[in-house]
């Protein structure tokens, strides 16, 4: 499912990269070319995401008994670094051409930017929804990157419109709209890159599951026959699945075998309700 989602995203972004850069060069719009570079970072995101998902889905082995889920975070971190480099290249290009004569972009660049806004908005919503549904940080990161593409295309529309209006009414300051738009797009790229890098770093350090999943897990365990209460619960996000460490309290007069059986029932109940709980360790505390 994850791979299919990212393949669709890759196809859309590949088309947009070509359209933006070609039309941007043809219409002499530096902002649209910059936006094309932004879409290139989307394409990079998709390629890395496909690689990360493929590696993360590998089964546990001798060297990685808990699986390969954390490869998602490593890939996300590398994505952030790569996207940050794209932003640097873009800013450097704008600064290098700051004294070049002002070029008025063609109206086609405006039309393309508006179409891109619609397409990318639909794609970002699709990715973010599936990222949440599949608990995939890579897909969510790709969705966030696509959402910034929507904003950058809006900046292109404003920038190109400013140049066209400036030329029509001879307003010099508006003539720089295309270049200003390029800088703003670069800043948007920097922001999303830092966001992805920070979130990936937090996850690598061991990020807890969200409160809703914690509460649901606690409730399921509490309902198992023989469990008096849940004393403690830790859930660590491990890629697209979870590791669970749970302490339950049972009647202290029960035998070791009975306590073990209750712990086993808790583990089975949790994994039945949520298949993403792939590693569950249940500790039994006796009630005095």
C-alpha atoms as a PDB file:
ATOM      1  CA  UNK A   1       0.000   0.000   0.000  1.00  0.00           C
ATOM      2  CA  UNK A   2       2.780   2.443   0.958  1.00  0.00           C
ATOM      3  CA  UNK A   3       4.718   1.725  -2.217  1.00  0.00           C
ATOM      4  CA  UNK A   4       1.621   2.223  -4.382  1.00  0.00           C
ATOM      5  CA  UNK A   5       0.972   5.601  -2.734  1.00  0.00           C
ATOM      6  CA  UNK A   6       4.513   6.797  -3.402  1.00  0.00           C
ATOM      7  CA  UNK A   7       4.504   5.513  -6.993  1.00  0.00           C
ATOM      8  CA  UNK A   8       1.485   7.706  -7.716  1.00  0.00           C
ATOM      9  CA  UNK A   9       3.185  10.675  -6.097  1.00  0.00           C
ATOM     10  CA  UNK A  10       6.345  10.030  -8.111  1.00  0.00           C
ATOM     11  CA  UNK A  11       4.412   9.980 -11.388  1.00  0.00           C
ATOM     12  CA  UNK A  12       2.663  13.280 -10.664  1.00  0.00           C
ATOM     13  CA  UNK A  13       5.855  15.022  -9.520  1.00  0.00           C
ATOM     14  CA  UNK A  14       7.862  13.773 -12.513  1.00  0.00           C
ATOM     15  CA  UNK A  15       5.350  15.373 -14.886  1.00  0.00           C
ATOM     16  CA  UNK A  16       5.265  18.632 -12.899  1.00  0.00           C
ATOM     17  CA  UNK A  17       9.060  18.951 -12.821  1.00  0.00           C
ATOM     18  CA  UNK A  18       9.266  18.748 -16.615  1.00  0.00           C
ATOM     19  CA  UNK A  19       6.306  21.078 -17.199  1.00  0.00           C
ATOM     20  CA  UNK A  20       7.469  23.754 -14.734  1.00  0.00           C
ATOM     21  CA  UNK A  21      11.100  23.892 -15.833  1.00  0.00           C
ATOM     22  CA  UNK A  22      10.342  23.740 -19.574  1.00  0.00           C
ATOM     23  CA  UNK A  23       7.559  26.347 -19.405  1.00  0.00           C
ATOM     24  CA  UNK A  24       9.624  28.460 -16.992  1.00  0.00           C
ATOM     25  CA  UNK A  25      12.540  28.565 -19.435  1.00  0.00           C
ATOM     26  CA  UNK A  26      10.244  29.124 -22.416  1.00  0.00           C
ATOM     27  CA  UNK A  27       8.353  31.989 -20.721  1.00  0.00           C
ATOM     28  CA  UNK A  28      11.537  33.331 -19.050  1.00  0.00           C
ATOM     29  CA  UNK A  29      10.074  33.056 -15.548  1.00  0.00           C
ATOM     30  CA  UNK A  30      12.802  32.534 -12.934  1.00  0.00           C
ATOM     31  CA  UNK A  31      10.119  31.971 -10.282  1.00  0.00           C
ATOM     32  CA  UNK A  32       8.542  29.104 -12.243  1.00  0.00           C
ATOM     33  CA  UNK A  33      11.964  27.556 -12.838  1.00  0.00           C
ATOM     34  CA  UNK A  34      12.593  27.885  -9.087  1.00  0.00           C
ATOM     35  CA  UNK A  35       9.239  26.223  -8.465  1.00  0.00           C
ATOM     36  CA  UNK A  36      10.335  23.470 -10.823  1.00  0.00           C
ATOM     37  CA  UNK A  37      13.416  22.977  -8.670  1.00  0.00           C
ATOM     38  CA  UNK A  38      11.091  22.756  -5.692  1.00  0.00           C
ATOM     39  CA  UNK A  39       9.165  20.002  -7.463  1.00  0.00           C
ATOM     40  CA  UNK A  40      12.512  18.355  -8.141  1.00  0.00           C
ATOM     41  CA  UNK A  41      12.916  18.130  -4.359  1.00  0.00           C
ATOM     42  CA  UNK A  42       9.473  16.463  -4.297  1.00  0.00           C
ATOM     43  CA  UNK A  43      10.746  13.951  -6.825  1.00  0.00           C
ATOM     44  CA  UNK A  44      13.814  13.344  -4.681  1.00  0.00           C
ATOM     45  CA  UNK A  45      11.505  12.847  -1.702  1.00  0.00           C
ATOM     46  CA  UNK A  46       9.512  10.217  -3.598  1.00  0.00           C
ATOM     47  CA  UNK A  47      12.614   8.313  -4.726  1.00  0.00           C
ATOM     48  CA  UNK A  48      14.036   8.256  -1.211  1.00  0.00           C
ATOM     49  CA  UNK A  49      10.623   7.355   0.222  1.00  0.00           C
ATOM     50  CA  UNK A  50      10.285   4.370  -2.107  1.00  0.00           C
ATOM     51  CA  UNK A  51      13.731   3.189  -1.057  1.00  0.00           C
ATOM     52  CA  UNK A  52      12.983   3.743   2.634  1.00  0.00           C
ATOM     53  CA  UNK A  53       9.644   1.937   2.539  1.00  0.00           C
ATOM     54  CA  UNK A  54      11.182  -1.042   0.704  1.00  0.00           C
ATOM     55  CA  UNK A  55      13.945  -1.326   3.308  1.00  0.00           C
ATOM     56  CA  UNK A  56      11.604  -0.707   6.271  1.00  0.00           C
ATOM     57  CA  UNK A  57       9.328  -3.568   5.209  1.00  0.00           C
ATOM     58  CA  UNK A  58      12.136  -6.118   5.378  1.00  0.00           C
ATOM     59  CA  UNK A  59      11.458  -8.780   8.026  1.00  0.00           C
ATOM     60  CA  UNK A  60      13.592  -8.994  11.202  1.00  0.00           C
ATOM     61  CA  UNK A  61      16.908 -10.805  10.891  1.00  0.00           C
ATOM     62  CA  UNK A  62      19.806 -11.803  13.133  1.00  0.00           C
ATOM     63  CA  UNK A  63      21.415  -8.358  13.026  1.00  0.00           C
ATOM     64  CA  UNK A  64      18.092  -6.495  13.320  1.00  0.00           C
ATOM     65  CA  UNK A  65      15.784  -8.511  15.608  1.00  0.00           C
ATOM     66  CA  UNK A  66      13.268  -5.646  15.811  1.00  0.00           C
ATOM     67  CA  UNK A  67      13.098  -5.206  12.045  1.00  0.00           C
ATOM     68  CA  UNK A  68      14.226  -2.334   9.843  1.00  0.00           C
ATOM     69  CA  UNK A  69      11.480   0.207  10.568  1.00  0.00           C
ATOM     70  CA  UNK A  70      13.813   2.976  11.701  1.00  0.00           C
ATOM     71  CA  UNK A  71      15.306   3.213   8.228  1.00  0.00           C
ATOM     72  CA  UNK A  72      12.327   5.506   7.549  1.00  0.00           C
ATOM     73  CA  UNK A  73      13.780   8.071   9.941  1.00  0.00           C
ATOM     74  CA  UNK A  74      17.272   7.839   8.463  1.00  0.00           C
ATOM     75  CA  UNK A  75      15.862   8.338   4.972  1.00  0.00           C
ATOM     76  CA  UNK A  76      13.700  11.253   6.172  1.00  0.00           C
ATOM     77  CA  UNK A  77      16.790  12.891   7.676  1.00  0.00           C
ATOM     78  CA  UNK A  78      18.695  12.492   4.410  1.00  0.00           C
ATOM     79  CA  UNK A  79      15.691  13.908   2.565  1.00  0.00           C
ATOM     80  CA  UNK A  80      15.811  17.012   4.728  1.00  0.00           C
ATOM     81  CA  UNK A  81      19.518  17.502   3.997  1.00  0.00           C
ATOM     82  CA  UNK A  82      18.951  17.021   0.253  1.00  0.00           C
ATOM     83  CA  UNK A  83      16.047  19.478   0.168  1.00  0.00           C
ATOM     84  CA  UNK A  84      18.115  22.008   2.135  1.00  0.00           C
ATOM     85  CA  UNK A  85      20.826  21.745  -0.528  1.00  0.00           C
ATOM     86  CA  UNK A  86      18.248  22.458  -3.252  1.00  0.00           C
ATOM     87  CA  UNK A  87      17.249  25.617  -1.382  1.00  0.00           C
ATOM     88  CA  UNK A  88      20.873  26.715  -1.104  1.00  0.00           C
ATOM     89  CA  UNK A  89      21.434  26.246  -4.837  1.00  0.00           C
ATOM     90  CA  UNK A  90      18.310  28.259  -5.581  1.00  0.00           C
ATOM     91  CA  UNK A  91      19.250  31.183  -3.326  1.00  0.00           C
ATOM     92  CA  UNK A  92      22.765  31.212  -4.751  1.00  0.00           C
ATOM     93  CA  UNK A  93      21.346  31.380  -8.289  1.00  0.00           C
ATOM     94  CA  UNK A  94      19.037  34.306  -7.443  1.00  0.00           C
ATOM     95  CA  UNK A  95      21.868  36.270  -5.808  1.00  0.00           C
ATOM     96  CA  UNK A  96      24.197  35.631  -8.752  1.00  0.00           C
ATOM     97  CA  UNK A  97      21.615  37.028 -11.202  1.00  0.00           C
ATOM     98  CA  UNK A  98      20.424  39.941  -9.063  1.00  0.00           C
ATOM     99  CA  UNK A  99      22.013  42.572 -11.332  1.00  0.00           C
ATOM    100  CA  UNK A 100      20.880  40.998 -14.583  1.00  0.00           C
ATOM    101  CA  UNK A 101      18.303  42.912 -16.699  1.00  0.00           C
ATOM    102  CA  UNK A 102      14.682  42.361 -15.669  1.00  0.00           C
ATOM    103  CA  UNK A 103      12.857  39.874 -17.890  1.00  0.00           C
ATOM    104  CA  UNK A 104       9.084  39.918 -18.179  1.00  0.00           C
ATOM    105  CA  UNK A 105       7.736  36.342 -18.040  1.00  0.00           C
ATOM    106  CA  UNK A 106       5.064  35.102 -20.435  1.00  0.00           C
ATOM    107  CA  UNK A 107       1.421  34.745 -19.422  1.00  0.00           C
ATOM    108  CA  UNK A 108       1.690  30.956 -19.898  1.00  0.00           C
ATOM    109  CA  UNK A 109       3.783  30.738 -16.732  1.00  0.00           C
ATOM    110  CA  UNK A 110       0.847  32.181 -14.799  1.00  0.00           C
ATOM    111  CA  UNK A 111      -1.578  29.622 -16.251  1.00  0.00           C
ATOM    112  CA  UNK A 112       0.760  26.715 -15.468  1.00  0.00           C
ATOM    113  CA  UNK A 113       1.272  27.900 -11.878  1.00  0.00           C
ATOM    114  CA  UNK A 114      -2.496  27.995 -11.280  1.00  0.00           C
ATOM    115  CA  UNK A 115      -2.918  24.452 -12.663  1.00  0.00           C
ATOM    116  CA  UNK A 116      -0.041  23.262 -10.478  1.00  0.00           C
ATOM    117  CA  UNK A 117      -1.704  24.689  -7.363  1.00  0.00           C
ATOM    118  CA  UNK A 118      -4.793  22.582  -7.981  1.00  0.00           C
ATOM    119  CA  UNK A 119      -2.859  19.389  -8.780  1.00  0.00           C
ATOM    120  CA  UNK A 120      -0.451  19.685  -5.833  1.00  0.00           C
ATOM    121  CA  UNK A 121      -3.220  20.487  -3.386  1.00  0.00           C
ATOM    122  CA  UNK A 122      -4.964  17.257  -4.348  1.00  0.00           C
ATOM    123  CA  UNK A 123      -1.688  15.290  -4.142  1.00  0.00           C
ATOM    124  CA  UNK A 124      -0.676  16.724  -0.751  1.00  0.00           C
ATOM    125  CA  UNK A 125      -4.079  15.895   0.752  1.00  0.00           C
ATOM    126  CA  UNK A 126      -3.809  12.356  -0.650  1.00  0.00           C
ATOM    127  CA  UNK A 127      -0.330  11.837   0.829  1.00  0.00           C
ATOM    128  CA  UNK A 128      -1.099  13.345   4.232  1.00  0.00           C
ATOM    129  CA  UNK A 129      -4.266  11.250   4.550  1.00  0.00           C
ATOM    130  CA  UNK A 130      -2.433   8.029   3.673  1.00  0.00           C
ATOM    131  CA  UNK A 131       0.534   8.971   5.862  1.00  0.00           C
ATOM    132  CA  UNK A 132      -1.784   9.241   8.859  1.00  0.00           C
ATOM    133  CA  UNK A 133      -3.721   6.099   7.888  1.00  0.00           C
ATOM    134  CA  UNK A 134      -0.581   3.993   7.451  1.00  0.00           C
ATOM    135  CA  UNK A 135       1.391   5.669  10.276  1.00  0.00           C
ATOM    136  CA  UNK A 136       4.186   6.330   7.794  1.00  0.00           C
ATOM    137  CA  UNK A 137       6.513   9.232   8.555  1.00  0.00           C
ATOM    138  CA  UNK A 138       8.023   9.079   5.078  1.00  0.00           C
ATOM    139  CA  UNK A 139       4.662   9.474   3.332  1.00  0.00           C
ATOM    140  CA  UNK A 140       3.705  12.250   5.748  1.00  0.00           C
ATOM    141  CA  UNK A 141       7.013  14.035   5.056  1.00  0.00           C
ATOM    142  CA  UNK A 142       6.356  13.732   1.337  1.00  0.00           C
ATOM    143  CA  UNK A 143       2.862  15.149   1.865  1.00  0.00           C
ATOM    144  CA  UNK A 144       4.263  18.139   3.751  1.00  0.00           C
ATOM    145  CA  UNK A 145       6.758  18.750   0.983  1.00  0.00           C
ATOM    146  CA  UNK A 146       3.952  18.637  -1.587  1.00  0.00           C
ATOM    147  CA  UNK A 147       1.944  21.109   0.477  1.00  0.00           C
ATOM    148  CA  UNK A 148       4.816  23.595   0.397  1.00  0.00           C
ATOM    149  CA  UNK A 149       4.765  23.217  -3.382  1.00  0.00           C
ATOM    150  CA  UNK A 150       1.199  24.559  -3.289  1.00  0.00           C
ATOM    151  CA  UNK A 151       2.380  27.629  -1.388  1.00  0.00           C
ATOM    152  CA  UNK A 152       5.381  28.122  -3.653  1.00  0.00           C
ATOM    153  CA  UNK A 153       3.133  27.996  -6.721  1.00  0.00           C
ATOM    154  CA  UNK A 154       0.913  30.638  -5.120  1.00  0.00           C
ATOM    155  CA  UNK A 155       4.045  32.750  -4.680  1.00  0.00           C
ATOM    156  CA  UNK A 156       4.809  32.233  -8.381  1.00  0.00           C
ATOM    157  CA  UNK A 157       1.327  33.451  -9.314  1.00  0.00           C
ATOM    158  CA  UNK A 158       1.761  36.568  -7.172  1.00  0.00           C
ATOM    159  CA  UNK A 159       5.296  37.217  -8.416  1.00  0.00           C
ATOM    160  CA  UNK A 160       4.536  36.813 -12.118  1.00  0.00           C
ATOM    161  CA  UNK A 161       1.343  38.859 -11.764  1.00  0.00           C
ATOM    162  CA  UNK A 162       3.344  41.628 -10.089  1.00  0.00           C
ATOM    163  CA  UNK A 163       5.798  41.751 -13.009  1.00  0.00           C
ATOM    164  CA  UNK A 164       3.016  41.834 -15.594  1.00  0.00           C
ATOM    165  CA  UNK A 165       1.195  44.586 -13.691  1.00  0.00           C
ATOM    166  CA  UNK A 166       4.452  46.503 -13.213  1.00  0.00           C
ATOM    167  CA  UNK A 167       5.135  46.401 -16.939  1.00  0.00           C
ATOM    168  CA  UNK A 168       1.589  47.476 -17.831  1.00  0.00           C
ATOM    169  CA  UNK A 169       1.555  50.453 -15.432  1.00  0.00           C
ATOM    170  CA  UNK A 170       5.305  51.191 -15.450  1.00  0.00           C
ATOM    171  CA  UNK A 171       5.782  50.450 -11.720  1.00  0.00           C
ATOM    172  CA  UNK A 172       9.472  49.598 -11.322  1.00  0.00           C
ATOM    173  CA  UNK A 173       9.271  47.928  -7.901  1.00  0.00           C
ATOM    174  CA  UNK A 174       6.704  45.407  -9.140  1.00  0.00           C
ATOM    175  CA  UNK A 175       9.064  44.360 -11.915  1.00  0.00           C
ATOM    176  CA  UNK A 176      11.186  42.563  -9.323  1.00  0.00           C
ATOM    177  CA  UNK A 177       8.227  40.388  -8.277  1.00  0.00           C
ATOM    178  CA  UNK A 178       9.505  37.304 -10.131  1.00  0.00           C
ATOM    179  CA  UNK A 179      12.885  37.406  -8.380  1.00  0.00           C
ATOM    180  CA  UNK A 180      11.388  38.131  -4.978  1.00  0.00           C
ATOM    181  CA  UNK A 181       9.082  35.154  -5.514  1.00  0.00           C
ATOM    182  CA  UNK A 182      12.149  32.972  -6.178  1.00  0.00           C
ATOM    183  CA  UNK A 183      13.680  33.962  -2.834  1.00  0.00           C
ATOM    184  CA  UNK A 184      10.408  33.338  -0.974  1.00  0.00           C
ATOM    185  CA  UNK A 185      10.148  29.890  -2.549  1.00  0.00           C
ATOM    186  CA  UNK A 186      13.697  29.115  -1.411  1.00  0.00           C
ATOM    187  CA  UNK A 187      12.747  30.136   2.127  1.00  0.00           C
ATOM    188  CA  UNK A 188       9.725  27.816   2.003  1.00  0.00           C
ATOM    189  CA  UNK A 189      11.994  24.961   0.930  1.00  0.00           C
ATOM    190  CA  UNK A 190      14.365  25.681   3.842  1.00  0.00           C
ATOM    191  CA  UNK A 191      11.456  25.649   6.295  1.00  0.00           C
ATOM    192  CA  UNK A 192      10.122  22.263   5.198  1.00  0.00           C
ATOM    193  CA  UNK A 193      13.644  20.782   5.109  1.00  0.00           C
ATOM    194  CA  UNK A 194      14.300  21.818   8.708  1.00  0.00           C
ATOM    195  CA  UNK A 195      10.867  20.511   9.750  1.00  0.00           C
ATOM    196  CA  UNK A 196      11.569  17.079   8.231  1.00  0.00           C
ATOM    197  CA  UNK A 197      15.055  16.926   9.778  1.00  0.00           C
ATOM    198  CA  UNK A 198      13.835  17.851  13.278  1.00  0.00           C
ATOM    199  CA  UNK A 199      10.993  15.313  13.209  1.00  0.00           C
ATOM    200  CA  UNK A 200      13.282  12.558  11.899  1.00  0.00           C
ATOM    201  CA  UNK A 201      15.860  13.286  14.627  1.00  0.00           C
ATOM    202  CA  UNK A 202      13.193  13.124  17.345  1.00  0.00           C
ATOM    203  CA  UNK A 203      11.983   9.774  15.993  1.00  0.00           C
ATOM    204  CA  UNK A 204      15.507   8.341  15.884  1.00  0.00           C
ATOM    205  CA  UNK A 205      15.897   9.228  19.559  1.00  0.00           C
ATOM    206  CA  UNK A 206      12.801   7.145  20.358  1.00  0.00           C
ATOM    207  CA  UNK A 207       9.467   8.847  19.870  1.00  0.00           C
ATOM    208  CA  UNK A 208       6.430   7.766  21.877  1.00  0.00           C
ATOM    209  CA  UNK A 209       3.149   6.822  20.212  1.00  0.00           C
ATOM    210  CA  UNK A 210       0.460   9.500  20.301  1.00  0.00           C
ATOM    211  CA  UNK A 211      -1.925   9.733  23.244  1.00  0.00           C
ATOM    212  CA  UNK A 212      -4.903   8.290  21.360  1.00  0.00           C
ATOM    213  CA  UNK A 213      -3.057   5.048  20.557  1.00  0.00           C
ATOM    214  CA  UNK A 214      -1.724   4.861  24.131  1.00  0.00           C
ATOM    215  CA  UNK A 215      -5.216   5.236  25.597  1.00  0.00           C
ATOM    216  CA  UNK A 216      -6.679   2.628  23.241  1.00  0.00           C
ATOM    217  CA  UNK A 217      -3.920   0.135  24.036  1.00  0.00           C
ATOM    218  CA  UNK A 218      -4.355   0.657  27.767  1.00  0.00           C
ATOM    219  CA  UNK A 219      -8.119   0.145  27.466  1.00  0.00           C
ATOM    220  CA  UNK A 220      -7.771  -3.105  25.489  1.00  0.00           C
ATOM    221  CA  UNK A 221      -5.322  -4.545  28.026  1.00  0.00           C
ATOM    222  CA  UNK A 222      -7.524  -3.528  30.960  1.00  0.00           C
ATOM    223  CA  UNK A 223     -10.480  -5.451  29.526  1.00  0.00           C
ATOM    224  CA  UNK A 224      -8.647  -8.799  29.419  1.00  0.00           C
ATOM    225  CA  UNK A 225     -10.005 -11.202  32.041  1.00  0.00           C
ATOM    226  CA  UNK A 226      -7.666 -11.447  35.026  1.00  0.00           C
ATOM    227  CA  UNK A 227      -6.135  -7.981  34.609  1.00  0.00           C
ATOM    228  CA  UNK A 228      -6.855  -5.777  37.618  1.00  0.00           C
ATOM    229  CA  UNK A 229      -5.302  -2.692  36.037  1.00  0.00           C
ATOM    230  CA  UNK A 230      -2.485  -1.482  33.795  1.00  0.00           C
ATOM    231  CA  UNK A 231       0.363  -0.163  35.959  1.00  0.00           C
ATOM    232  CA  UNK A 232       2.570   1.203  33.205  1.00  0.00           C
ATOM    233  CA  UNK A 233       2.662   1.458  29.419  1.00  0.00           C
ATOM    234  CA  UNK A 234       5.402   2.501  27.006  1.00  0.00           C
ATOM    235  CA  UNK A 235       4.955   2.466  23.230  1.00  0.00           C
ATOM    236  CA  UNK A 236       7.805   3.394  20.931  1.00  0.00           C
ATOM    237  CA  UNK A 237       7.181   4.200  17.263  1.00  0.00           C
ATOM    238  CA  UNK A 238       9.456   2.004  15.209  1.00  0.00           C
ATOM    239  CA  UNK A 239       8.925   3.042  11.614  1.00  0.00           C
ATOM    240  CA  UNK A 240       5.400   2.053  10.619  1.00  0.00           C
ATOM    241  CA  UNK A 241       4.901  -0.229  13.617  1.00  0.00           C
ATOM    242  CA  UNK A 242       5.232  -0.122  17.427  1.00  0.00           C
ATOM    243  CA  UNK A 243       7.107  -1.734  20.289  1.00  0.00           C
ATOM    244  CA  UNK A 244       5.017  -2.132  23.435  1.00  0.00           C
ATOM    245  CA  UNK A 245       6.231  -2.510  27.016  1.00  0.00           C
ATOM    246  CA  UNK A 246       3.302  -2.963  29.392  1.00  0.00           C
ATOM    247  CA  UNK A 247       3.033  -3.756  33.118  1.00  0.00           C
ATOM    248  CA  UNK A 248      -0.219  -5.363  34.245  1.00  0.00           C
ATOM    249  CA  UNK A 249      -1.424  -6.148  37.765  1.00  0.00           C
ATOM    250  CA  UNK A 250      -3.069  -9.502  38.545  1.00  0.00           C
ATOM    251  CA  UNK A 251      -4.269 -11.314  41.666  1.00  0.00           C
ATOM    252  CA  UNK A 252      -1.168 -12.147  43.748  1.00  0.00           C
ATOM    253  CA  UNK A 253      -2.550 -15.571  44.670  1.00  0.00           C
ATOM    254  CA  UNK A 254      -2.435 -16.801  41.082  1.00  0.00           C
ATOM    255  CA  UNK A 255       0.277 -19.242  40.064  1.00  0.00           C
ATOM    256  CA  UNK A 256       3.142 -18.342  37.781  1.00  0.00           C
ATOM    257  CA  UNK A 257       1.426 -20.319  35.009  1.00  0.00           C
ATOM    258  CA  UNK A 258      -1.857 -18.426  35.484  1.00  0.00           C
ATOM    259  CA  UNK A 259      -0.043 -15.088  35.454  1.00  0.00           C
ATOM    260  CA  UNK A 260       1.780 -16.129  32.292  1.00  0.00           C
ATOM    261  CA  UNK A 261      -1.492 -17.125  30.613  1.00  0.00           C
ATOM    262  CA  UNK A 262      -3.049 -13.745  31.427  1.00  0.00           C
ATOM    263  CA  UNK A 263       0.005 -11.960  30.006  1.00  0.00           C
ATOM    264  CA  UNK A 264      -0.293 -14.067  26.851  1.00  0.00           C
ATOM    265  CA  UNK A 265      -3.985 -13.147  26.514  1.00  0.00           C
ATOM    266  CA  UNK A 266      -3.072  -9.452  26.840  1.00  0.00           C
ATOM    267  CA  UNK A 267      -0.475  -9.773  24.084  1.00  0.00           C
ATOM    268  CA  UNK A 268      -2.887 -11.608  21.779  1.00  0.00           C
ATOM    269  CA  UNK A 269      -5.672  -9.077  22.437  1.00  0.00           C
ATOM    270  CA  UNK A 270      -3.418  -6.137  21.639  1.00  0.00           C
ATOM    271  CA  UNK A 271      -2.030  -7.617  18.435  1.00  0.00           C
ATOM    272  CA  UNK A 272      -5.487  -8.711  17.284  1.00  0.00           C
ATOM    273  CA  UNK A 273      -6.873  -5.174  17.609  1.00  0.00           C
ATOM    274  CA  UNK A 274      -3.780  -3.508  16.160  1.00  0.00           C
ATOM    275  CA  UNK A 275      -1.524  -5.567  13.840  1.00  0.00           C
ATOM    276  CA  UNK A 276       1.064  -2.763  13.962  1.00  0.00           C
ATOM    277  CA  UNK A 277       1.938  -3.796  17.534  1.00  0.00           C
ATOM    278  CA  UNK A 278       4.562  -6.236  16.326  1.00  0.00           C
ATOM    279  CA  UNK A 279       6.668  -6.423  19.498  1.00  0.00           C
ATOM    280  CA  UNK A 280       4.743  -6.692  22.765  1.00  0.00           C
ATOM    281  CA  UNK A 281       6.390  -7.423  26.105  1.00  0.00           C
ATOM    282  CA  UNK A 282       4.015  -7.931  29.063  1.00  0.00           C
ATOM    283  CA  UNK A 283       5.316  -7.787  32.650  1.00  0.00           C
ATOM    284  CA  UNK A 284       3.101  -9.135  35.450  1.00  0.00           C
ATOM    285  CA  UNK A 285       2.894  -7.436  38.861  1.00  0.00           C
ATOM    286  CA  UNK A 286       1.149  -9.304  41.736  1.00  0.00           C
ATOM    287  CA  UNK A 287      -1.619  -7.571  43.662  1.00  0.00           C
ATOM    288  CA  UNK A 288      -0.960  -7.872  47.408  1.00  0.00           C
END
